[in-house]
């Protein structure tokens, strides 16, 4: 059991990547705190976690609200006395071209995607420093490394990468590690509306991936498990692409470039 006696808090844990990470960690023995804006979804994930024989706690919170985050962190620490692993996963993506989005939409993206990482890290770092142990895993995106649209979301995800590196450098002496995962396209419920409009969307996108498919939440969960485990105790400040090779290069461009 790679996470035996550990306590993990996962934001956005009610569905998709967050739910998969919660379950994967639970399978390895961790107690799980699921934070989600939808309490019902958080409770569903916790029900699955408890069925695996570990403790679980569902909390409802707006991850962009400082008071709500402080309350969630306090409740988690009151219940379990410690939080060893923090997974900042909660995110939204609203709007695209900066010429068409309004300032409120821009601010919302940054608040949920980036500010939430700051708030939860700030709330739980003191406890991690006291116990001289902590692993922070932030979920960014390939969008944070390349210009592929969704400008407010992508800018926020780029910020997550830089913030993670700074956390790693500043709090490494306290034995708190901070790493970031950058997933590519993942089959999650957030795609439901797009799939309804275009049932072949994943097949179209798969052509861009060297491994020939889009990802699953479990692909990301397995990477997160490694970073959370003691197998990664000398890894901090790392950016781990879980993207089927997307960021390694563009084969289609290379083929056109070398075509006679």
Protein backbone atom coordinates (compact mmCIF):
# COMPACT_ATOMS: atom_id res chain seq x y z
CA UNK A 1 0.00 0.00 0.00
CA UNK A 2 1.96 2.97 -1.30
CA UNK A 3 -0.06 5.63 0.57
CA UNK A 4 -0.80 3.77 3.80
CA UNK A 5 -1.51 6.17 6.69
CA UNK A 6 -1.47 9.19 4.38
CA UNK A 7 -4.25 11.77 4.12
CA UNK A 8 -4.99 13.38 0.76
CA UNK A 9 -7.20 16.34 -0.12
CA UNK A 10 -8.38 16.53 -3.73
CA UNK A 11 -10.16 19.57 -5.14
CA UNK A 12 -12.66 19.04 -7.91
CA UNK A 13 -12.82 15.45 -6.72
CA UNK A 14 -16.47 14.90 -7.52
CA UNK A 15 -15.92 13.78 -11.11
CA UNK A 16 -13.42 13.24 -13.90
CA UNK A 17 -9.72 13.43 -13.09
CA UNK A 18 -10.31 14.39 -9.45
CA UNK A 19 -12.56 11.40 -8.81
CA UNK A 20 -10.08 9.05 -10.49
CA UNK A 21 -7.21 10.40 -8.37
CA UNK A 22 -9.29 10.04 -5.21
CA UNK A 23 -10.09 6.40 -5.99
CA UNK A 24 -6.53 5.55 -7.02
CA UNK A 25 -5.13 7.03 -3.83
CA UNK A 26 -7.75 5.19 -1.77
CA UNK A 27 -6.77 1.91 -3.41
CA UNK A 28 -3.29 2.51 -2.04
CA UNK A 29 -4.49 3.16 1.50
CA UNK A 30 -4.90 6.94 1.77
CA UNK A 31 -7.75 8.61 3.59
CA UNK A 32 -9.44 10.98 1.14
CA UNK A 33 -10.97 14.43 1.53
CA UNK A 34 -12.97 15.36 -1.55
CA UNK A 35 -13.67 19.05 -2.10
CA UNK A 36 -16.14 19.99 -4.81
CA UNK A 37 -18.57 22.81 -5.48
CA UNK A 38 -21.25 20.10 -5.85
CA UNK A 39 -21.62 18.34 -2.49
CA UNK A 40 -23.61 15.48 -4.02
CA UNK A 41 -20.81 14.63 -6.42
CA UNK A 42 -18.25 14.83 -3.62
CA UNK A 43 -20.36 12.46 -1.52
CA UNK A 44 -20.58 10.01 -4.42
CA UNK A 45 -16.81 9.87 -4.72
CA UNK A 46 -16.43 9.51 -0.96
CA UNK A 47 -18.92 6.64 -1.02
CA UNK A 48 -16.71 4.86 -3.54
CA UNK A 49 -13.66 5.62 -1.42
CA UNK A 50 -15.19 4.28 1.78
CA UNK A 51 -16.23 1.12 -0.06
CA UNK A 52 -12.51 0.48 -0.56
CA UNK A 53 -12.01 0.37 3.20
CA UNK A 54 -10.48 3.78 3.89
CA UNK A 55 -11.80 6.92 5.52
CA UNK A 56 -13.37 9.68 3.47
CA UNK A 57 -14.81 13.15 3.93
CA UNK A 58 -16.89 15.16 1.46
CA UNK A 59 -16.74 18.96 1.62
CA UNK A 60 -18.56 21.56 -0.44
CA UNK A 61 -16.58 24.70 -1.24
CA UNK A 62 -16.08 27.40 -3.79
CA UNK A 63 -12.35 26.95 -4.36
CA UNK A 64 -11.95 30.59 -5.38
CA UNK A 65 -13.39 31.91 -2.09
CA UNK A 66 -10.73 32.46 0.60
CA UNK A 67 -13.17 31.98 3.48
CA UNK A 68 -14.56 28.76 2.01
CA UNK A 69 -11.06 27.38 1.44
CA UNK A 70 -9.94 28.24 4.96
CA UNK A 71 -13.04 26.55 6.36
CA UNK A 72 -12.48 23.41 4.27
CA UNK A 73 -8.83 23.19 5.31
CA UNK A 74 -9.72 23.69 8.97
CA UNK A 75 -12.39 20.98 8.80
CA UNK A 76 -9.97 18.57 7.14
CA UNK A 77 -7.28 19.17 9.75
CA UNK A 78 -9.79 18.93 12.58
CA UNK A 79 -10.99 15.56 11.29
CA UNK A 80 -7.66 13.96 10.38
CA UNK A 81 -5.07 16.12 12.23
CA UNK A 82 -2.91 16.20 9.09
CA UNK A 83 -3.02 16.51 5.33
CA UNK A 84 -0.04 14.89 3.65
CA UNK A 85 -1.03 15.25 0.00
CA UNK A 86 -2.80 18.15 -1.67
CA UNK A 87 -4.07 17.74 -5.23
CA UNK A 88 -5.18 21.04 -6.74
CA UNK A 89 -7.35 19.78 -9.59
CA UNK A 90 -10.45 22.01 -9.68
CA UNK A 91 -10.78 23.97 -12.91
CA UNK A 92 -13.15 25.52 -15.43
CA UNK A 93 -12.68 26.75 -18.98
CA UNK A 94 -14.90 29.60 -20.12
CA UNK A 95 -14.38 31.76 -23.19
CA UNK A 96 -11.69 31.70 -25.82
CA UNK A 97 -10.45 34.64 -27.91
CA UNK A 98 -9.53 37.62 -25.72
CA UNK A 99 -11.38 39.88 -28.16
CA UNK A 100 -14.66 38.13 -27.40
CA UNK A 101 -14.51 37.44 -23.67
CA UNK A 102 -15.42 39.95 -20.99
CA UNK A 103 -13.27 40.82 -17.96
CA UNK A 104 -15.57 38.92 -15.59
CA UNK A 105 -15.05 35.70 -17.56
CA UNK A 106 -11.31 36.25 -17.58
CA UNK A 107 -11.30 36.79 -13.81
CA UNK A 108 -13.44 33.69 -13.22
CA UNK A 109 -11.01 31.45 -15.09
CA UNK A 110 -8.03 32.78 -13.14
CA UNK A 111 -9.90 32.55 -9.85
CA UNK A 112 -10.93 28.90 -10.19
CA UNK A 113 -7.85 27.61 -12.02
CA UNK A 114 -4.98 29.59 -10.47
CA UNK A 115 -6.17 31.43 -7.37
CA UNK A 116 -7.52 28.17 -5.93
CA UNK A 117 -4.02 26.66 -6.05
CA UNK A 118 -2.69 29.64 -4.11
CA UNK A 119 -5.52 29.48 -1.57
CA UNK A 120 -5.36 25.76 -0.79
CA UNK A 121 -1.57 25.72 -0.76
CA UNK A 122 -1.50 28.68 1.62
CA UNK A 123 -4.11 27.04 3.86
CA UNK A 124 -2.37 23.67 4.16
CA UNK A 125 1.33 24.53 3.91
CA UNK A 126 1.68 25.48 7.60
CA UNK A 127 0.54 22.00 8.66
CA UNK A 128 2.87 20.35 6.12
CA UNK A 129 5.78 22.45 7.34
CA UNK A 130 5.06 21.52 10.97
CA UNK A 131 5.01 17.82 10.17
CA UNK A 132 8.05 18.21 7.87
CA UNK A 133 6.28 16.35 5.11
CA UNK A 134 4.02 17.26 2.25
CA UNK A 135 3.34 16.59 -1.40
CA UNK A 136 1.50 19.16 -3.49
CA UNK A 137 0.39 17.99 -6.92
CA UNK A 138 -1.08 20.63 -9.18
CA UNK A 139 -3.01 19.71 -12.31
CA UNK A 140 -2.13 22.07 -15.13
CA UNK A 141 -2.56 21.29 -18.84
CA UNK A 142 -0.75 21.14 -22.16
CA UNK A 143 -2.64 24.41 -22.75
CA UNK A 144 -0.27 26.00 -20.25
CA UNK A 145 2.70 25.19 -22.47
CA UNK A 146 1.47 25.97 -25.95
CA UNK A 147 -0.83 28.25 -27.88
CA UNK A 148 -3.84 26.07 -28.60
CA UNK A 149 -6.68 28.42 -27.74
CA UNK A 150 -8.85 28.92 -24.65
CA UNK A 151 -6.72 31.91 -23.71
CA UNK A 152 -7.97 32.62 -20.16
CA UNK A 153 -7.84 28.95 -19.16
CA UNK A 154 -4.46 28.48 -20.83
CA UNK A 155 -2.96 31.56 -19.19
CA UNK A 156 -4.16 30.38 -15.79
CA UNK A 157 -2.73 26.90 -16.37
CA UNK A 158 0.62 28.45 -17.32
CA UNK A 159 0.50 30.31 -14.03
CA UNK A 160 -0.06 27.02 -12.20
CA UNK A 161 3.20 25.69 -13.66
CA UNK A 162 5.22 28.68 -12.48
CA UNK A 163 3.58 28.76 -9.05
CA UNK A 164 4.38 25.06 -8.61
CA UNK A 165 8.06 25.65 -9.34
CA UNK A 166 8.20 28.47 -6.82
CA UNK A 167 6.52 26.32 -4.16
CA UNK A 168 9.05 23.57 -4.82
CA UNK A 169 12.02 25.90 -4.40
CA UNK A 170 10.76 27.82 -1.39
CA UNK A 171 9.45 24.89 0.66
CA UNK A 172 11.82 22.12 -0.34
CA UNK A 173 13.89 22.71 2.84
CA UNK A 174 10.75 21.86 4.85
CA UNK A 175 10.48 18.55 2.95
CA UNK A 176 7.41 19.75 1.08
CA UNK A 177 7.47 18.71 -2.55
CA UNK A 178 5.47 20.40 -5.32
CA UNK A 179 5.02 18.96 -8.79
CA UNK A 180 2.71 19.63 -11.70
CA UNK A 181 0.97 17.30 -14.15
CA UNK A 182 0.03 18.56 -17.60
CA UNK A 183 -2.62 16.31 -19.15
CA UNK A 184 -3.57 16.36 -22.80
CA UNK A 185 -7.11 15.63 -23.93
CA UNK A 186 -8.82 13.46 -21.30
CA UNK A 187 -12.21 11.76 -21.62
CA UNK A 188 -14.12 13.44 -18.79
CA UNK A 189 -17.73 14.60 -18.29
CA UNK A 190 -16.70 18.15 -19.21
CA UNK A 191 -16.66 16.97 -22.84
CA UNK A 192 -20.29 15.77 -22.80
CA UNK A 193 -21.74 18.79 -24.60
CA UNK A 194 -19.03 18.73 -27.27
CA UNK A 195 -19.46 14.98 -27.80
CA UNK A 196 -23.20 15.45 -28.17
CA UNK A 197 -22.53 17.92 -31.00
CA UNK A 198 -19.71 15.90 -32.54
CA UNK A 199 -19.63 12.20 -31.54
CA UNK A 200 -16.36 11.71 -33.45
CA UNK A 201 -14.45 14.45 -31.65
CA UNK A 202 -12.13 12.09 -29.74
CA UNK A 203 -11.31 10.15 -32.90
CA UNK A 204 -10.41 13.42 -34.62
CA UNK A 205 -8.22 14.56 -31.74
CA UNK A 206 -6.53 11.16 -31.41
CA UNK A 207 -4.82 11.76 -34.76
CA UNK A 208 -2.70 14.48 -33.14
CA UNK A 209 -1.37 12.16 -30.42
CA UNK A 210 1.70 10.00 -31.14
CA UNK A 211 0.21 7.20 -29.05
CA UNK A 212 -2.94 7.29 -31.17
CA UNK A 213 -5.56 7.96 -28.51
CA UNK A 214 -6.80 10.55 -26.07
CA UNK A 215 -6.30 9.96 -22.37
CA UNK A 216 -8.41 8.65 -19.53
CA UNK A 217 -8.73 10.01 -16.00
CA UNK A 218 -6.90 6.90 -14.82
CA UNK A 219 -3.85 7.86 -16.90
CA UNK A 220 -3.57 11.05 -14.87
CA UNK A 221 -4.39 9.30 -11.59
CA UNK A 222 -1.54 6.83 -12.04
CA UNK A 223 0.92 9.68 -12.61
CA UNK A 224 -0.40 11.50 -9.54
CA UNK A 225 -0.01 8.34 -7.46
CA UNK A 226 3.66 8.10 -8.40
CA UNK A 227 4.31 11.76 -7.50
CA UNK A 228 2.46 11.36 -4.20
CA UNK A 229 4.30 8.18 -3.21
CA UNK A 230 7.64 7.72 -1.48
CA UNK A 231 9.01 6.52 -4.81
CA UNK A 232 9.16 10.21 -5.79
CA UNK A 233 10.77 11.62 -2.66
CA UNK A 234 13.57 13.24 -4.66
CA UNK A 235 11.29 14.74 -7.29
CA UNK A 236 10.09 18.29 -6.87
CA UNK A 237 9.47 21.17 -9.24
CA UNK A 238 8.87 18.70 -12.06
CA UNK A 239 6.47 19.20 -14.96
CA UNK A 240 5.12 15.81 -15.98
CA UNK A 241 3.31 15.71 -19.30
CA UNK A 242 0.64 13.01 -19.36
CA UNK A 243 -0.30 13.70 -22.94
CA UNK A 244 0.32 10.72 -25.17
CA UNK A 245 3.34 12.52 -26.63
CA UNK A 246 1.50 15.64 -27.80
CA UNK A 247 4.07 18.11 -26.47
CA UNK A 248 7.00 16.08 -27.80
CA UNK A 249 6.41 17.35 -31.30
CA UNK A 250 4.10 17.61 -34.29
CA UNK A 251 4.53 14.65 -36.63
CA UNK A 252 2.23 16.14 -39.26
CA UNK A 253 4.36 19.27 -39.41
CA UNK A 254 7.50 17.14 -39.77
CA UNK A 255 5.96 15.10 -42.55
CA UNK A 256 4.98 18.20 -44.49
CA UNK A 257 8.39 19.75 -43.86
CA UNK A 258 10.26 16.76 -45.25
CA UNK A 259 7.85 15.97 -48.10
CA UNK A 260 9.35 16.17 -51.57
